[in-house]
Amino acid sequence: MANYRSGRINEEIKREVSSIIRNNLKDPRITAMISVTDVNVTKDLKYAKVYVSIFGSEEAKANTMEALKSSSGFLRKEIGSRVKLRHTPEILIELDSSIERGMYIDSLIEKIKENESSNE
């Protein structure tokens, strides 16, 4: 039963954080495209680890991560007003590089396929 509730809370916070970043954050340092990939809220609802994927150059990624981390207080305040929870969790922003890692593995597989087809 508790797993079902935590899953709902994770998805609700993920949806709200994504909406807040897209519509309410007005930081000029945010120039890259941001996607919220996952949210993990601790069982005691004290912390919410938000995983974001950032598409852009390395400099844009660094600036965007800095802007997101500095706006965590604003995100927490907005989540507190939008999601009705007894305790509003503290927002911890983490960079999720799984998409880039997946693209790299896919490129390696394609190279292997090309080598096998050229050897035949």
C-alpha atoms as a PDB file:
ATOM      1  CA  MET A   1       0.000   0.000   0.000  1.00  0.00           C
ATOM      2  CA  ALA A   2       2.805   2.424   0.871  1.00  0.00           C
ATOM      3  CA  ASN A   3       4.560   1.759  -2.452  1.00  0.00           C
ATOM      4  CA  TYR A   4       1.423   2.729  -4.332  1.00  0.00           C
ATOM      5  CA  ARG A   5       1.155   6.004  -2.408  1.00  0.00           C
ATOM      6  CA  SER A   6       4.830   6.887  -2.875  1.00  0.00           C
ATOM      7  CA  GLY A   7       4.522   6.175  -6.598  1.00  0.00           C
ATOM      8  CA  ARG A   8       1.574   8.544  -6.855  1.00  0.00           C
ATOM      9  CA  ILE A   9       3.441  11.238  -4.914  1.00  0.00           C
ATOM     10  CA  ASN A  10       6.510  10.805  -7.144  1.00  0.00           C
ATOM     11  CA  GLU A  11       4.447  11.170 -10.317  1.00  0.00           C
ATOM     12  CA  GLU A  12       2.483  14.144  -8.984  1.00  0.00           C
ATOM     13  CA  ILE A  13       5.637  16.010  -7.965  1.00  0.00           C
ATOM     14  CA  LYS A  14       7.275  15.117 -11.295  1.00  0.00           C
ATOM     15  CA  ARG A  15       4.327  16.577 -13.208  1.00  0.00           C
ATOM     16  CA  GLU A  16       4.246  19.735 -11.102  1.00  0.00           C
ATOM     17  CA  VAL A  17       8.022  20.344 -11.212  1.00  0.00           C
ATOM     18  CA  SER A  18       7.963  19.941 -14.981  1.00  0.00           C
ATOM     19  CA  SER A  19       5.110  22.424 -15.254  1.00  0.00           C
ATOM     20  CA  ILE A  20       6.806  24.923 -12.930  1.00  0.00           C
ATOM     21  CA  ILE A  21      10.093  24.753 -14.848  1.00  0.00           C
ATOM     22  CA  ARG A  22       8.314  25.161 -18.168  1.00  0.00           C
ATOM     23  CA  ASN A  23       5.891  27.938 -17.206  1.00  0.00           C
ATOM     24  CA  ASN A  24       7.005  29.765 -14.060  1.00  0.00           C
ATOM     25  CA  LEU A  25      10.809  29.785 -13.920  1.00  0.00           C
ATOM     26  CA  LYS A  26      12.071  33.032 -15.412  1.00  0.00           C
ATOM     27  CA  ASP A  27      15.831  32.637 -15.044  1.00  0.00           C
ATOM     28  CA  PRO A  28      17.890  33.933 -18.004  1.00  0.00           C
ATOM     29  CA  ARG A  29      20.544  31.261 -17.342  1.00  0.00           C
ATOM     30  CA  ILE A  30      18.095  28.561 -18.450  1.00  0.00           C
ATOM     31  CA  THR A  31      18.744  28.307 -22.175  1.00  0.00           C
ATOM     32  CA  ALA A  32      18.762  24.536 -22.762  1.00  0.00           C
ATOM     33  CA  MET A  33      15.802  22.206 -23.132  1.00  0.00           C
ATOM     34  CA  ILE A  34      14.974  20.558 -19.785  1.00  0.00           C
ATOM     35  CA  SER A  35      13.128  17.308 -19.210  1.00  0.00           C
ATOM     36  CA  VAL A  36      12.231  15.966 -15.774  1.00  0.00           C
ATOM     37  CA  THR A  37      12.946  12.245 -16.079  1.00  0.00           C
ATOM     38  CA  ASP A  38      12.250  10.961 -12.577  1.00  0.00           C
ATOM     39  CA  VAL A  39      11.453  11.966  -9.000  1.00  0.00           C
ATOM     40  CA  ASN A  40      12.215   9.940  -5.876  1.00  0.00           C
ATOM     41  CA  VAL A  41      10.627  11.125  -2.643  1.00  0.00           C
ATOM     42  CA  THR A  42      11.900   9.662   0.611  1.00  0.00           C
ATOM     43  CA  LYS A  43       9.416   7.748   2.767  1.00  0.00           C
ATOM     44  CA  ASP A  44       9.336  10.475   5.405  1.00  0.00           C
ATOM     45  CA  LEU A  45       8.628  13.120   2.677  1.00  0.00           C
ATOM     46  CA  LYS A  46      11.602  15.246   3.733  1.00  0.00           C
ATOM     47  CA  TYR A  47      13.522  15.110   0.460  1.00  0.00           C
ATOM     48  CA  ALA A  48      12.574  14.806  -3.186  1.00  0.00           C
ATOM     49  CA  LYS A  49      15.394  13.997  -5.583  1.00  0.00           C
ATOM     50  CA  VAL A  50      14.458  15.385  -9.001  1.00  0.00           C
ATOM     51  CA  TYR A  51      16.372  13.954 -11.964  1.00  0.00           C
ATOM     52  CA  VAL A  52      16.568  16.249 -14.984  1.00  0.00           C
ATOM     53  CA  SER A  53      17.930  15.664 -18.443  1.00  0.00           C
ATOM     54  CA  ILE A  54      19.313  18.748 -20.165  1.00  0.00           C
ATOM     55  CA  PHE A  55      19.750  18.950 -23.924  1.00  0.00           C
ATOM     56  CA  GLY A  56      22.297  21.506 -25.092  1.00  0.00           C
ATOM     57  CA  SER A  57      25.971  22.380 -25.073  1.00  0.00           C
ATOM     58  CA  GLU A  58      28.140  21.688 -22.034  1.00  0.00           C
ATOM     59  CA  GLU A  59      28.169  25.377 -21.087  1.00  0.00           C
ATOM     60  CA  ALA A  60      24.386  25.592 -21.384  1.00  0.00           C
ATOM     61  CA  LYS A  61      24.040  22.441 -19.246  1.00  0.00           C
ATOM     62  CA  ALA A  62      26.252  23.909 -16.524  1.00  0.00           C
ATOM     63  CA  ASN A  63      24.387  27.235 -16.504  1.00  0.00           C
ATOM     64  CA  THR A  64      21.010  25.519 -16.492  1.00  0.00           C
ATOM     65  CA  MET A  65      21.966  23.181 -13.632  1.00  0.00           C
ATOM     66  CA  GLU A  66      23.228  26.154 -11.620  1.00  0.00           C
ATOM     67  CA  ALA A  67      19.969  28.010 -12.243  1.00  0.00           C
ATOM     68  CA  LEU A  68      17.860  24.983 -11.315  1.00  0.00           C
ATOM     69  CA  LYS A  69      19.784  24.350  -8.097  1.00  0.00           C
ATOM     70  CA  SER A  70      19.478  27.998  -7.070  1.00  0.00           C
ATOM     71  CA  SER A  71      15.729  27.922  -7.729  1.00  0.00           C
ATOM     72  CA  SER A  72      15.061  24.871  -5.542  1.00  0.00           C
ATOM     73  CA  GLY A  73      13.496  27.057  -2.830  1.00  0.00           C
ATOM     74  CA  PHE A  74      11.059  28.540  -5.346  1.00  0.00           C
ATOM     75  CA  LEU A  75      10.245  25.052  -6.631  1.00  0.00           C
ATOM     76  CA  ARG A  76       9.567  23.861  -3.078  1.00  0.00           C
ATOM     77  CA  LYS A  77       7.266  26.810  -2.372  1.00  0.00           C
ATOM     78  CA  GLU A  78       5.311  26.231  -5.575  1.00  0.00           C
ATOM     79  CA  ILE A  79       5.006  22.490  -4.942  1.00  0.00           C
ATOM     80  CA  GLY A  80       3.787  23.245  -1.429  1.00  0.00           C
ATOM     81  CA  SER A  81       0.972  25.361  -2.811  1.00  0.00           C
ATOM     82  CA  ARG A  82       0.058  22.947  -5.643  1.00  0.00           C
ATOM     83  CA  VAL A  83       0.404  19.512  -3.996  1.00  0.00           C
ATOM     84  CA  LYS A  84      -1.402  18.971  -0.733  1.00  0.00           C
ATOM     85  CA  LEU A  85       1.024  17.134   1.534  1.00  0.00           C
ATOM     86  CA  ARG A  86       1.598  17.354   5.266  1.00  0.00           C
ATOM     87  CA  HIS A  87       5.294  18.121   4.697  1.00  0.00           C
ATOM     88  CA  THR A  88       6.643  19.705   1.549  1.00  0.00           C
ATOM     89  CA  PRO A  89       9.866  17.911   0.632  1.00  0.00           C
ATOM     90  CA  GLU A  90      13.149  19.709   0.114  1.00  0.00           C
ATOM     91  CA  ILE A  91      14.018  19.625  -3.592  1.00  0.00           C
ATOM     92  CA  LEU A  92      17.380  18.151  -4.625  1.00  0.00           C
ATOM     93  CA  ILE A  93      18.179  18.554  -8.334  1.00  0.00           C
ATOM     94  CA  GLU A  94      20.346  15.848  -9.952  1.00  0.00           C
ATOM     95  CA  LEU A  95      21.536  15.583 -13.550  1.00  0.00           C
ATOM     96  CA  ASP A  96      20.313  12.431 -15.302  1.00  0.00           C
ATOM     97  CA  SER A  97      22.707  11.385 -18.043  1.00  0.00           C
ATOM     98  CA  SER A  98      20.945   8.129 -18.917  1.00  0.00           C
ATOM     99  CA  ILE A  99      19.753   9.445 -22.290  1.00  0.00           C
ATOM    100  CA  GLU A 100      23.287  10.373 -23.357  1.00  0.00           C
ATOM    101  CA  ARG A 101      24.566   7.042 -22.042  1.00  0.00           C
ATOM    102  CA  GLY A 102      21.877   5.219 -24.037  1.00  0.00           C
ATOM    103  CA  MET A 103      22.765   7.118 -27.197  1.00  0.00           C
ATOM    104  CA  TYR A 104      26.448   6.257 -26.689  1.00  0.00           C
ATOM    105  CA  ILE A 105      25.663   2.548 -26.235  1.00  0.00           C
ATOM    106  CA  ASP A 106      23.446   2.654 -29.320  1.00  0.00           C
ATOM    107  CA  SER A 107      26.282   4.172 -31.355  1.00  0.00           C
ATOM    108  CA  LEU A 108      28.629   1.409 -30.145  1.00  0.00           C
ATOM    109  CA  ILE A 109      26.139  -1.246 -31.213  1.00  0.00           C
ATOM    110  CA  GLU A 110      25.824   0.382 -34.637  1.00  0.00           C
ATOM    111  CA  LYS A 111      29.622   0.365 -35.030  1.00  0.00           C
ATOM    112  CA  ILE A 112      29.722  -3.332 -34.166  1.00  0.00           C
ATOM    113  CA  LYS A 113      26.992  -4.061 -36.723  1.00  0.00           C
ATOM    114  CA  GLU A 114      28.893  -2.110 -39.396  1.00  0.00           C
ATOM    115  CA  ASN A 115      32.112  -4.011 -38.630  1.00  0.00           C
ATOM    116  CA  GLU A 116      30.327  -7.370 -38.808  1.00  0.00           C
ATOM    117  CA  SER A 117      28.656  -6.525 -42.110  1.00  0.00           C
ATOM    118  CA  SER A 118      31.951  -5.305 -43.641  1.00  0.00           C
ATOM    119  CA  ASN A 119      33.779  -8.467 -42.496  1.00  0.00           C
ATOM    120  CA  GLU A 120      31.288 -10.792 -44.183  1.00  0.00           C
END
